[in-house]
Amino acid sequence: MFSNDHHSDGHIAVLLPVPLGVQAALIKAAPEKFYNPPYVGVRGWVGIELQSVSDEELAFHLQEAWRLIAPRKLQDRVGVPARETESTPKENSEQKYVIPPGTKKGRVKN
Protein backbone atom coordinates (compact mmCIF):
# COMPACT_ATOMS: atom_id res chain seq x y z
CA MET A 1 0.00 0.00 0.00
CA PHE A 2 1.32 3.49 -0.82
CA SER A 3 1.11 6.31 1.72
CA ASN A 4 1.50 9.85 0.41
CA ASP A 5 1.63 12.11 3.48
CA HIS A 6 -1.56 10.52 4.84
CA HIS A 7 -3.30 13.00 7.19
CA SER A 8 -0.17 15.17 6.88
CA ASP A 9 1.94 12.60 8.77
CA GLY A 10 5.04 13.44 6.72
CA HIS A 11 5.58 9.90 5.42
CA ILE A 12 6.01 9.13 1.73
CA ALA A 13 6.15 5.39 2.14
CA VAL A 14 5.13 1.90 1.20
CA LEU A 15 3.23 -0.09 3.84
CA LEU A 16 3.87 -3.83 3.78
CA PRO A 17 3.08 -6.87 5.89
CA VAL A 18 6.03 -8.56 7.59
CA PRO A 19 6.24 -11.77 9.64
CA LEU A 20 5.27 -11.54 13.30
CA GLY A 21 7.99 -9.94 15.37
CA VAL A 22 9.89 -8.48 12.43
CA GLN A 23 8.17 -5.09 12.52
CA ALA A 24 9.70 -4.16 15.89
CA ALA A 25 13.15 -5.43 14.85
CA LEU A 26 13.14 -3.36 11.65
CA ILE A 27 11.98 -0.21 13.44
CA LYS A 28 14.59 -0.68 16.17
CA ALA A 29 17.36 -1.35 13.64
CA ALA A 30 16.60 1.65 11.41
CA PRO A 31 13.95 4.06 12.77
CA GLU A 32 14.77 6.61 10.06
CA LYS A 33 13.74 4.02 7.45
CA PHE A 34 10.94 2.02 9.10
CA TYR A 35 7.92 3.04 11.19
CA ASN A 36 4.74 1.66 12.69
CA PRO A 37 1.98 2.90 10.35
CA PRO A 38 -1.50 3.85 11.58
CA TYR A 39 -4.35 1.38 11.10
CA VAL A 40 -2.29 -1.54 9.70
CA GLY A 41 0.67 -1.31 12.06
CA VAL A 42 -1.28 -3.13 14.76
CA ARG A 43 -1.59 -6.03 12.30
CA GLY A 44 2.18 -6.30 11.90
CA TRP A 45 2.66 -4.13 8.83
CA VAL A 46 5.65 -1.80 8.58
CA GLY A 47 6.03 1.55 6.87
CA ILE A 48 9.13 1.96 4.70
CA GLU A 49 10.22 5.53 3.94
CA LEU A 50 10.87 5.64 0.19
CA GLN A 51 13.53 8.36 0.45
CA SER A 52 15.53 6.24 2.88
CA VAL A 53 15.55 2.86 1.15
CA SER A 54 17.50 1.58 -1.85
CA ASP A 55 15.71 0.06 -4.80
CA GLU A 56 17.25 -3.32 -4.02
CA GLU A 57 16.11 -3.31 -0.39
CA LEU A 58 12.62 -2.14 -1.33
CA ALA A 59 12.40 -4.94 -3.91
CA PHE A 60 13.39 -7.44 -1.21
CA HIS A 61 10.66 -6.23 1.17
CA LEU A 62 8.05 -6.20 -1.63
CA GLN A 63 8.91 -9.77 -2.58
CA GLU A 64 8.79 -10.95 1.03
CA ALA A 65 5.44 -9.24 1.57
CA TRP A 66 4.06 -10.88 -1.56
CA ARG A 67 5.26 -14.27 -0.32
CA LEU A 68 3.35 -13.72 2.93
CA ILE A 69 0.01 -13.11 1.26
CA ALA A 70 0.08 -14.80 -2.16
CA PRO A 71 -1.63 -18.18 -2.33
CA ARG A 72 0.79 -21.10 -2.60
CA LYS A 73 -0.73 -22.15 -5.97
CA LEU A 74 0.06 -18.74 -7.43
CA GLN A 75 3.59 -18.81 -6.03
CA ASP A 76 4.09 -22.26 -7.55
CA ARG A 77 2.70 -21.07 -10.90
CA VAL A 78 5.16 -18.17 -11.17
CA GLY A 79 8.07 -20.25 -9.93
CA VAL A 80 8.72 -18.66 -6.56
CA PRO A 81 11.12 -20.82 -4.57
CA ALA A 82 9.42 -22.36 -1.53
CA ARG A 83 10.08 -20.71 1.81
CA GLU A 84 10.07 -22.53 5.07
CA THR A 85 6.84 -21.93 6.93
CA GLU A 86 5.18 -23.32 10.00
CA SER A 87 3.62 -26.04 7.85
CA THR A 88 6.98 -27.03 6.33
CA PRO A 89 9.15 -29.31 8.48
CA LYS A 90 12.64 -28.07 9.14
CA GLU A 91 15.49 -28.53 11.60
CA ASN A 92 14.86 -25.36 13.60
CA SER A 93 11.22 -24.61 14.38
CA GLU A 94 11.78 -20.82 14.49
CA GLN A 95 10.92 -19.04 11.24
CA LYS A 96 13.64 -16.66 10.03
CA TYR A 97 13.37 -13.36 8.20
CA VAL A 98 16.60 -12.12 6.71
CA ILE A 99 16.95 -8.38 7.02
CA PRO A 100 18.80 -7.12 3.95
CA PRO A 101 22.27 -5.58 4.12
CA GLY A 102 22.28 -1.93 5.00
CA THR A 103 19.55 -2.33 7.60
CA LYS A 104 20.95 -4.84 10.06
CA LYS A 105 23.31 -7.73 9.61
CA GLY A 106 22.23 -11.24 10.44
CA ARG A 107 18.85 -12.76 11.06
CA VAL A 108 16.00 -11.78 13.29
CA LYS A 109 14.02 -14.46 15.08
CA ASN A 110 10.28 -13.93 15.20
C-alpha atoms as a PDB file:
ATOM      1  CA  MET A   1       0.000   0.000   0.000  1.00  0.00           C
ATOM      2  CA  PHE A   2       1.319   3.490  -0.823  1.00  0.00           C
ATOM      3  CA  SER A   3       1.114   6.306   1.724  1.00  0.00           C
ATOM      4  CA  ASN A   4       1.505   9.847   0.412  1.00  0.00           C
ATOM      5  CA  ASP A   5       1.626  12.111   3.479  1.00  0.00           C
ATOM      6  CA  HIS A   6      -1.561  10.520   4.843  1.00  0.00           C
ATOM      7  CA  HIS A   7      -3.299  12.996   7.191  1.00  0.00           C
ATOM      8  CA  SER A   8      -0.165  15.166   6.879  1.00  0.00           C
ATOM      9  CA  ASP A   9       1.937  12.600   8.770  1.00  0.00           C
ATOM     10  CA  GLY A  10       5.043  13.444   6.723  1.00  0.00           C
ATOM     11  CA  HIS A  11       5.581   9.903   5.417  1.00  0.00           C
ATOM     12  CA  ILE A  12       6.008   9.127   1.735  1.00  0.00           C
ATOM     13  CA  ALA A  13       6.154   5.391   2.142  1.00  0.00           C
ATOM     14  CA  VAL A  14       5.125   1.899   1.203  1.00  0.00           C
ATOM     15  CA  LEU A  15       3.231  -0.086   3.839  1.00  0.00           C
ATOM     16  CA  LEU A  16       3.868  -3.830   3.777  1.00  0.00           C
ATOM     17  CA  PRO A  17       3.082  -6.868   5.894  1.00  0.00           C
ATOM     18  CA  VAL A  18       6.031  -8.560   7.593  1.00  0.00           C
ATOM     19  CA  PRO A  19       6.236 -11.769   9.643  1.00  0.00           C
ATOM     20  CA  LEU A  20       5.267 -11.544  13.303  1.00  0.00           C
ATOM     21  CA  GLY A  21       7.995  -9.940  15.374  1.00  0.00           C
ATOM     22  CA  VAL A  22       9.889  -8.481  12.435  1.00  0.00           C
ATOM     23  CA  GLN A  23       8.172  -5.090  12.522  1.00  0.00           C
ATOM     24  CA  ALA A  24       9.703  -4.164  15.894  1.00  0.00           C
ATOM     25  CA  ALA A  25      13.147  -5.434  14.851  1.00  0.00           C
ATOM     26  CA  LEU A  26      13.137  -3.365  11.649  1.00  0.00           C
ATOM     27  CA  ILE A  27      11.977  -0.208  13.440  1.00  0.00           C
ATOM     28  CA  LYS A  28      14.594  -0.678  16.174  1.00  0.00           C
ATOM     29  CA  ALA A  29      17.364  -1.350  13.641  1.00  0.00           C
ATOM     30  CA  ALA A  30      16.601   1.652  11.408  1.00  0.00           C
ATOM     31  CA  PRO A  31      13.951   4.056  12.772  1.00  0.00           C
ATOM     32  CA  GLU A  32      14.773   6.606  10.065  1.00  0.00           C
ATOM     33  CA  LYS A  33      13.743   4.024   7.454  1.00  0.00           C
ATOM     34  CA  PHE A  34      10.936   2.020   9.101  1.00  0.00           C
ATOM     35  CA  TYR A  35       7.924   3.043  11.190  1.00  0.00           C
ATOM     36  CA  ASN A  36       4.740   1.656  12.688  1.00  0.00           C
ATOM     37  CA  PRO A  37       1.979   2.898  10.354  1.00  0.00           C
ATOM     38  CA  PRO A  38      -1.495   3.847  11.577  1.00  0.00           C
ATOM     39  CA  TYR A  39      -4.355   1.376  11.099  1.00  0.00           C
ATOM     40  CA  VAL A  40      -2.294  -1.535   9.696  1.00  0.00           C
ATOM     41  CA  GLY A  41       0.673  -1.311  12.058  1.00  0.00           C
ATOM     42  CA  VAL A  42      -1.284  -3.127  14.758  1.00  0.00           C
ATOM     43  CA  ARG A  43      -1.592  -6.033  12.302  1.00  0.00           C
ATOM     44  CA  GLY A  44       2.185  -6.303  11.900  1.00  0.00           C
ATOM     45  CA  TRP A  45       2.660  -4.132   8.835  1.00  0.00           C
ATOM     46  CA  VAL A  46       5.650  -1.803   8.580  1.00  0.00           C
ATOM     47  CA  GLY A  47       6.028   1.554   6.867  1.00  0.00           C
ATOM     48  CA  ILE A  48       9.125   1.955   4.696  1.00  0.00           C
ATOM     49  CA  GLU A  49      10.217   5.529   3.943  1.00  0.00           C
ATOM     50  CA  LEU A  50      10.868   5.645   0.195  1.00  0.00           C
ATOM     51  CA  GLN A  51      13.526   8.364   0.446  1.00  0.00           C
ATOM     52  CA  SER A  52      15.528   6.243   2.876  1.00  0.00           C
ATOM     53  CA  VAL A  53      15.550   2.861   1.151  1.00  0.00           C
ATOM     54  CA  SER A  54      17.502   1.584  -1.848  1.00  0.00           C
ATOM     55  CA  ASP A  55      15.706   0.061  -4.803  1.00  0.00           C
ATOM     56  CA  GLU A  56      17.247  -3.323  -4.020  1.00  0.00           C
ATOM     57  CA  GLU A  57      16.113  -3.308  -0.386  1.00  0.00           C
ATOM     58  CA  LEU A  58      12.618  -2.139  -1.332  1.00  0.00           C
ATOM     59  CA  ALA A  59      12.401  -4.943  -3.911  1.00  0.00           C
ATOM     60  CA  PHE A  60      13.389  -7.437  -1.212  1.00  0.00           C
ATOM     61  CA  HIS A  61      10.659  -6.231   1.167  1.00  0.00           C
ATOM     62  CA  LEU A  62       8.052  -6.198  -1.626  1.00  0.00           C
ATOM     63  CA  GLN A  63       8.913  -9.773  -2.580  1.00  0.00           C
ATOM     64  CA  GLU A  64       8.793 -10.952   1.033  1.00  0.00           C
ATOM     65  CA  ALA A  65       5.438  -9.239   1.574  1.00  0.00           C
ATOM     66  CA  TRP A  66       4.063 -10.883  -1.558  1.00  0.00           C
ATOM     67  CA  ARG A  67       5.256 -14.275  -0.321  1.00  0.00           C
ATOM     68  CA  LEU A  68       3.354 -13.724   2.929  1.00  0.00           C
ATOM     69  CA  ILE A  69       0.014 -13.111   1.257  1.00  0.00           C
ATOM     70  CA  ALA A  70       0.081 -14.795  -2.165  1.00  0.00           C
ATOM     71  CA  PRO A  71      -1.629 -18.180  -2.333  1.00  0.00           C
ATOM     72  CA  ARG A  72       0.790 -21.105  -2.605  1.00  0.00           C
ATOM     73  CA  LYS A  73      -0.728 -22.146  -5.975  1.00  0.00           C
ATOM     74  CA  LEU A  74       0.063 -18.745  -7.432  1.00  0.00           C
ATOM     75  CA  GLN A  75       3.585 -18.808  -6.033  1.00  0.00           C
ATOM     76  CA  ASP A  76       4.092 -22.260  -7.553  1.00  0.00           C
ATOM     77  CA  ARG A  77       2.702 -21.067 -10.895  1.00  0.00           C
ATOM     78  CA  VAL A  78       5.156 -18.172 -11.173  1.00  0.00           C
ATOM     79  CA  GLY A  79       8.069 -20.252  -9.927  1.00  0.00           C
ATOM     80  CA  VAL A  80       8.725 -18.658  -6.562  1.00  0.00           C
ATOM     81  CA  PRO A  81      11.122 -20.822  -4.569  1.00  0.00           C
ATOM     82  CA  ALA A  82       9.423 -22.361  -1.535  1.00  0.00           C
ATOM     83  CA  ARG A  83      10.082 -20.706   1.814  1.00  0.00           C
ATOM     84  CA  GLU A  84      10.074 -22.529   5.070  1.00  0.00           C
ATOM     85  CA  THR A  85       6.838 -21.925   6.928  1.00  0.00           C
ATOM     86  CA  GLU A  86       5.183 -23.317  10.002  1.00  0.00           C
ATOM     87  CA  SER A  87       3.616 -26.037   7.852  1.00  0.00           C
ATOM     88  CA  THR A  88       6.978 -27.034   6.333  1.00  0.00           C
ATOM     89  CA  PRO A  89       9.147 -29.314   8.483  1.00  0.00           C
ATOM     90  CA  LYS A  90      12.644 -28.068   9.139  1.00  0.00           C
ATOM     91  CA  GLU A  91      15.490 -28.529  11.598  1.00  0.00           C
ATOM     92  CA  ASN A  92      14.856 -25.362  13.595  1.00  0.00           C
ATOM     93  CA  SER A  93      11.218 -24.608  14.384  1.00  0.00           C
ATOM     94  CA  GLU A  94      11.785 -20.822  14.487  1.00  0.00           C
ATOM     95  CA  GLN A  95      10.923 -19.038  11.242  1.00  0.00           C
ATOM     96  CA  LYS A  96      13.644 -16.655  10.030  1.00  0.00           C
ATOM     97  CA  TYR A  97      13.367 -13.358   8.200  1.00  0.00           C
ATOM     98  CA  VAL A  98      16.603 -12.123   6.708  1.00  0.00           C
ATOM     99  CA  ILE A  99      16.950  -8.379   7.025  1.00  0.00           C
ATOM    100  CA  PRO A 100      18.802  -7.124   3.953  1.00  0.00           C
ATOM    101  CA  PRO A 101      22.270  -5.582   4.116  1.00  0.00           C
ATOM    102  CA  GLY A 102      22.282  -1.926   5.004  1.00  0.00           C
ATOM    103  CA  THR A 103      19.545  -2.327   7.597  1.00  0.00           C
ATOM    104  CA  LYS A 104      20.953  -4.837  10.059  1.00  0.00           C
ATOM    105  CA  LYS A 105      23.314  -7.727   9.613  1.00  0.00           C
ATOM    106  CA  GLY A 106      22.233 -11.244  10.440  1.00  0.00           C
ATOM    107  CA  ARG A 107      18.853 -12.755  11.059  1.00  0.00           C
ATOM    108  CA  VAL A 108      16.001 -11.780  13.290  1.00  0.00           C
ATOM    109  CA  LYS A 109      14.015 -14.456  15.078  1.00  0.00           C
ATOM    110  CA  ASN A 110      10.283 -13.927  15.203  1.00  0.00           C
END
